Amino acid sequence: MKRMHIHVAVEDLNDSIRFYRAMFGNMEPTVLKSDYCKWELSDPAVNFAISQRGAKPGVDHIGIQVETDAELEEMNARFIAAKLRVQEQTETTCCYAKSDKAWTIDPQGVAWETFRTLEAAPVYGESRDRAREHAQLTTACCAPAESIVTIRSTA
């Protein structure tokens, strides 16, 4: 099963938690940290996260969460077929989870990720802003770094 992922940067985490709890029928978060909160909902099927980590408020990134390596390969094959520029990451720690993922940016500049969560992590991971400062593709968290590499070719 694939699940839509949306991550919104917020100014006030507590106010936002109250708002989204109400929006999702008083459903309790799946993950709740001092700077981050996530709901993995089945109706609607969405992994919805909010964080207060210094990013500009608004939609931070959007993604498709998958459950298997085969589903991740299928999603990444779509990038290959479209000849999109992407950044691949394996066993990266981001948003209190270790994941395999690939990032791309849509024509409007919105970051999109496809990812498979491998396990929970005790730390958020390196911030996106710090990764950009260091210009290191492999350490970006929760959005691709400024430069993006082309995904492998099937040809």
C-alpha atoms as a PDB file:
ATOM      1  CA  MET A   1       0.000   0.000   0.000  1.00  0.00           C
ATOM      2  CA  LYS A   2       1.203   3.481  -0.820  1.00  0.00           C
ATOM      3  CA  ARG A   3       0.408   6.396   1.468  1.00  0.00           C
ATOM      4  CA  MET A   4       0.528  10.100   0.644  1.00  0.00           C
ATOM      5  CA  HIS A   5       2.995  12.067   2.786  1.00  0.00           C
ATOM      6  CA  ILE A   6       2.662  15.778   3.532  1.00  0.00           C
ATOM      7  CA  HIS A   7       4.985  17.704   5.848  1.00  0.00           C
ATOM      8  CA  VAL A   8       4.040  21.220   6.973  1.00  0.00           C
ATOM      9  CA  ALA A   9       6.408  23.575   8.825  1.00  0.00           C
ATOM     10  CA  VAL A  10       4.479  25.413  11.564  1.00  0.00           C
ATOM     11  CA  GLU A  11       5.056  28.435  13.801  1.00  0.00           C
ATOM     12  CA  ASP A  12       3.340  27.056  16.921  1.00  0.00           C
ATOM     13  CA  LEU A  13       3.441  23.278  17.313  1.00  0.00           C
ATOM     14  CA  ASN A  14       0.874  23.053  20.139  1.00  0.00           C
ATOM     15  CA  ASP A  15      -1.723  25.188  18.333  1.00  0.00           C
ATOM     16  CA  SER A  16      -1.154  23.156  15.178  1.00  0.00           C
ATOM     17  CA  ILE A  17      -1.494  19.840  17.046  1.00  0.00           C
ATOM     18  CA  ARG A  18      -4.846  20.972  18.434  1.00  0.00           C
ATOM     19  CA  PHE A  19      -5.978  22.033  14.946  1.00  0.00           C
ATOM     20  CA  TYR A  20      -4.947  18.803  13.206  1.00  0.00           C
ATOM     21  CA  ARG A  21      -6.282  16.570  16.002  1.00  0.00           C
ATOM     22  CA  ALA A  22      -9.680  18.171  15.357  1.00  0.00           C
ATOM     23  CA  MET A  23      -9.203  17.893  11.582  1.00  0.00           C
ATOM     24  CA  PHE A  24      -8.491  14.156  11.896  1.00  0.00           C
ATOM     25  CA  GLY A  25     -11.422  13.350  14.218  1.00  0.00           C
ATOM     26  CA  ASN A  26      -9.518  13.608  17.512  1.00  0.00           C
ATOM     27  CA  MET A  27      -7.037  10.976  16.336  1.00  0.00           C
ATOM     28  CA  GLU A  28      -3.914  10.943  18.508  1.00  0.00           C
ATOM     29  CA  PRO A  29      -0.530  11.375  16.769  1.00  0.00           C
ATOM     30  CA  THR A  30       1.561   8.343  15.880  1.00  0.00           C
ATOM     31  CA  VAL A  31       4.758  10.241  16.797  1.00  0.00           C
ATOM     32  CA  LEU A  32       4.890  13.204  19.192  1.00  0.00           C
ATOM     33  CA  LYS A  33       8.166  14.996  19.977  1.00  0.00           C
ATOM     34  CA  SER A  34       8.930  18.476  21.308  1.00  0.00           C
ATOM     35  CA  ASP A  35       9.488  19.797  17.773  1.00  0.00           C
ATOM     36  CA  TYR A  36       7.659  17.276  15.561  1.00  0.00           C
ATOM     37  CA  CYS A  37       4.346  15.466  15.313  1.00  0.00           C
ATOM     38  CA  LYS A  38       3.065  12.865  12.825  1.00  0.00           C
ATOM     39  CA  TRP A  39      -0.221  11.105  12.121  1.00  0.00           C
ATOM     40  CA  GLU A  40      -0.291   7.959   9.949  1.00  0.00           C
ATOM     41  CA  LEU A  41      -3.932   7.859   8.991  1.00  0.00           C
ATOM     42  CA  SER A  42      -5.861   5.171   7.139  1.00  0.00           C
ATOM     43  CA  ASP A  43      -8.839   7.415   6.366  1.00  0.00           C
ATOM     44  CA  PRO A  44      -7.641   9.346   4.477  1.00  0.00           C
ATOM     45  CA  ALA A  45      -4.512   7.260   3.801  1.00  0.00           C
ATOM     46  CA  VAL A  46      -1.884   9.863   4.609  1.00  0.00           C
ATOM     47  CA  ASN A  47       1.309  10.276   6.615  1.00  0.00           C
ATOM     48  CA  PHE A  48       0.831  13.871   7.802  1.00  0.00           C
ATOM     49  CA  ALA A  49       3.674  15.520   9.738  1.00  0.00           C
ATOM     50  CA  ILE A  50       4.208  18.946  11.254  1.00  0.00           C
ATOM     51  CA  SER A  51       7.388  20.357  12.776  1.00  0.00           C
ATOM     52  CA  GLN A  52       8.694  23.456  14.432  1.00  0.00           C
ATOM     53  CA  ARG A  53      12.353  23.406  13.418  1.00  0.00           C
ATOM     54  CA  GLY A  54      12.990  26.887  12.026  1.00  0.00           C
ATOM     55  CA  ALA A  55      11.815  26.299   8.431  1.00  0.00           C
ATOM     56  CA  LYS A  56       9.554  28.836   6.760  1.00  0.00           C
ATOM     57  CA  PRO A  57       5.940  27.992   7.744  1.00  0.00           C
ATOM     58  CA  GLY A  58       3.902  26.254   5.057  1.00  0.00           C
ATOM     59  CA  VAL A  59       4.180  23.067   3.020  1.00  0.00           C
ATOM     60  CA  ASP A  60       7.712  21.773   3.546  1.00  0.00           C
ATOM     61  CA  HIS A  61       7.554  18.759   1.234  1.00  0.00           C
ATOM     62  CA  ILE A  62       5.182  16.143  -0.163  1.00  0.00           C
ATOM     63  CA  GLY A  63       5.843  12.470  -0.723  1.00  0.00           C
ATOM     64  CA  ILE A  64       4.696   8.937  -1.320  1.00  0.00           C
ATOM     65  CA  GLN A  65       5.427   6.464   1.478  1.00  0.00           C
ATOM     66  CA  VAL A  66       5.668   2.814   0.416  1.00  0.00           C
ATOM     67  CA  GLU A  67       5.798  -0.419   2.403  1.00  0.00           C
ATOM     68  CA  THR A  68       8.155  -2.590   0.333  1.00  0.00           C
ATOM     69  CA  ASP A  69      11.422  -2.351  -1.589  1.00  0.00           C
ATOM     70  CA  ALA A  70       9.511  -3.366  -4.739  1.00  0.00           C
ATOM     71  CA  GLU A  71       7.116  -0.428  -4.327  1.00  0.00           C
ATOM     72  CA  LEU A  72      10.063   1.933  -3.812  1.00  0.00           C
ATOM     73  CA  GLU A  73      11.738   0.613  -6.968  1.00  0.00           C
ATOM     74  CA  GLU A  74       8.451   1.079  -8.861  1.00  0.00           C
ATOM     75  CA  MET A  75       8.183   4.702  -7.716  1.00  0.00           C
ATOM     76  CA  ASN A  76      11.817   5.447  -8.526  1.00  0.00           C
ATOM     77  CA  ALA A  77      11.398   3.862 -11.975  1.00  0.00           C
ATOM     78  CA  ARG A  78       8.863   6.618 -12.656  1.00  0.00           C
ATOM     79  CA  PHE A  79      11.630   9.186 -12.085  1.00  0.00           C
ATOM     80  CA  ILE A  80      13.920   7.287 -14.455  1.00  0.00           C
ATOM     81  CA  ALA A  81      11.250   7.103 -17.162  1.00  0.00           C
ATOM     82  CA  ALA A  82      10.562  10.837 -16.870  1.00  0.00           C
ATOM     83  CA  LYS A  83      14.314  11.648 -16.816  1.00  0.00           C
ATOM     84  CA  LEU A  84      13.862  13.680 -13.642  1.00  0.00           C
ATOM     85  CA  ARG A  85      16.836  14.849 -11.626  1.00  0.00           C
ATOM     86  CA  VAL A  86      16.794  13.189  -8.199  1.00  0.00           C
ATOM     87  CA  GLN A  87      18.795  12.528  -5.082  1.00  0.00           C
ATOM     88  CA  GLU A  88      18.812   8.988  -3.692  1.00  0.00           C
ATOM     89  CA  GLN A  89      19.463   8.265  -0.006  1.00  0.00           C
ATOM     90  CA  THR A  90      19.775   4.890   1.702  1.00  0.00           C
ATOM     91  CA  GLU A  91      19.419   4.240   5.427  1.00  0.00           C
ATOM     92  CA  THR A  92      19.222   7.978   6.095  1.00  0.00           C
ATOM     93  CA  THR A  93      17.920   9.325   9.403  1.00  0.00           C
ATOM     94  CA  CYS A  94      15.235  11.960   8.993  1.00  0.00           C
ATOM     95  CA  CYS A  95      12.110  12.928  10.942  1.00  0.00           C
ATOM     96  CA  TYR A  96      12.757  10.412  13.744  1.00  0.00           C
ATOM     97  CA  ALA A  97      12.944   7.536  11.250  1.00  0.00           C
ATOM     98  CA  LYS A  98      15.567   5.643   9.257  1.00  0.00           C
ATOM     99  CA  SER A  99      14.497   5.387   5.597  1.00  0.00           C
ATOM    100  CA  ASP A 100      15.524   4.621   2.052  1.00  0.00           C
ATOM    101  CA  LYS A 101      14.329   7.432  -0.211  1.00  0.00           C
ATOM    102  CA  ALA A 102      14.660   9.488  -3.357  1.00  0.00           C
ATOM    103  CA  TRP A 103      14.002  13.222  -3.718  1.00  0.00           C
ATOM    104  CA  THR A 104      13.044  15.408  -6.656  1.00  0.00           C
ATOM    105  CA  ILE A 105      11.693  18.941  -7.039  1.00  0.00           C
ATOM    106  CA  ASP A 106       8.584  19.796  -9.062  1.00  0.00           C
ATOM    107  CA  PRO A 107       8.453  22.726 -11.519  1.00  0.00           C
ATOM    108  CA  GLN A 108       7.078  25.008  -8.768  1.00  0.00           C
ATOM    109  CA  GLY A 109       9.984  24.223  -6.455  1.00  0.00           C
ATOM    110  CA  VAL A 110       8.057  21.857  -4.140  1.00  0.00           C
ATOM    111  CA  ALA A 111      10.221  19.027  -2.810  1.00  0.00           C
ATOM    112  CA  TRP A 112       8.816  15.506  -3.379  1.00  0.00           C
ATOM    113  CA  GLU A 113      10.126  12.310  -1.824  1.00  0.00           C
ATOM    114  CA  THR A 114       9.436   8.627  -2.274  1.00  0.00           C
ATOM    115  CA  PHE A 115      10.447   6.619   0.758  1.00  0.00           C
ATOM    116  CA  ARG A 116      10.284   3.381   2.687  1.00  0.00           C
ATOM    117  CA  THR A 117      10.590   3.662   6.467  1.00  0.00           C
ATOM    118  CA  LEU A 118      12.953   1.013   7.839  1.00  0.00           C
ATOM    119  CA  GLU A 119      12.664   1.732  11.580  1.00  0.00           C
ATOM    120  CA  ALA A 120      12.146   4.478  14.152  1.00  0.00           C
ATOM    121  CA  ALA A 121      15.088   6.673  15.146  1.00  0.00           C
ATOM    122  CA  PRO A 122      15.672   8.409  18.496  1.00  0.00           C
ATOM    123  CA  VAL A 123      16.768  11.678  16.797  1.00  0.00           C
ATOM    124  CA  TYR A 124      15.213  13.896  14.133  1.00  0.00           C
ATOM    125  CA  GLY A 125      18.271  13.701  11.874  1.00  0.00           C
ATOM    126  CA  GLU A 126      20.387  16.452  10.395  1.00  0.00           C
ATOM    127  CA  SER A 127      18.349  19.502   9.508  1.00  0.00           C
ATOM    128  CA  ARG A 128      17.777  20.438   5.892  1.00  0.00           C
ATOM    129  CA  ASP A 129      19.266  23.903   6.446  1.00  0.00           C
ATOM    130  CA  ARG A 130      22.480  22.521   7.911  1.00  0.00           C
ATOM    131  CA  ALA A 131      22.759  20.070   5.026  1.00  0.00           C
ATOM    132  CA  ARG A 132      22.402  22.934   2.558  1.00  0.00           C
ATOM    133  CA  GLU A 133      25.065  24.922   4.393  1.00  0.00           C
ATOM    134  CA  HIS A 134      27.449  22.022   3.939  1.00  0.00           C
ATOM    135  CA  ALA A 135      26.166  21.294   0.407  1.00  0.00           C
ATOM    136  CA  GLN A 136      26.269  17.563   1.076  1.00  0.00           C
ATOM    137  CA  LEU A 137      23.741  15.524  -0.855  1.00  0.00           C
ATOM    138  CA  THR A 138      23.922  12.523   1.425  1.00  0.00           C
ATOM    139  CA  THR A 139      23.002  14.271   4.667  1.00  0.00           C
ATOM    140  CA  ALA A 140      19.923  16.237   3.631  1.00  0.00           C
ATOM    141  CA  CYS A 141      16.908  15.618   5.821  1.00  0.00           C
ATOM    142  CA  CYS A 142      13.335  16.210   4.850  1.00  0.00           C
ATOM    143  CA  ALA A 143      14.076  17.885   1.510  1.00  0.00           C
ATOM    144  CA  PRO A 144      16.723  17.538  -1.127  1.00  0.00           C
ATOM    145  CA  ALA A 145      19.880  19.610  -0.996  1.00  0.00           C
ATOM    146  CA  GLU A 146      20.324  22.481  -3.475  1.00  0.00           C
ATOM    147  CA  SER A 147      22.064  20.349  -6.066  1.00  0.00           C
ATOM    148  CA  ILE A 148      20.348  17.221  -7.304  1.00  0.00           C
ATOM    149  CA  VAL A 149      21.944  14.312  -9.136  1.00  0.00           C
ATOM    150  CA  THR A 150      20.439  12.337 -11.959  1.00  0.00           C
ATOM    151  CA  ILE A 151      19.058   8.960 -10.930  1.00  0.00           C
ATOM    152  CA  ARG A 152      20.586   5.851 -12.457  1.00  0.00           C
ATOM    153  CA  SER A 153      19.497   4.926 -15.956  1.00  0.00           C
ATOM    154  CA  THR A 154      17.898   1.669 -16.961  1.00  0.00           C
ATOM    155  CA  ALA A 155      19.467   1.809 -20.424  1.00  0.00           C
END
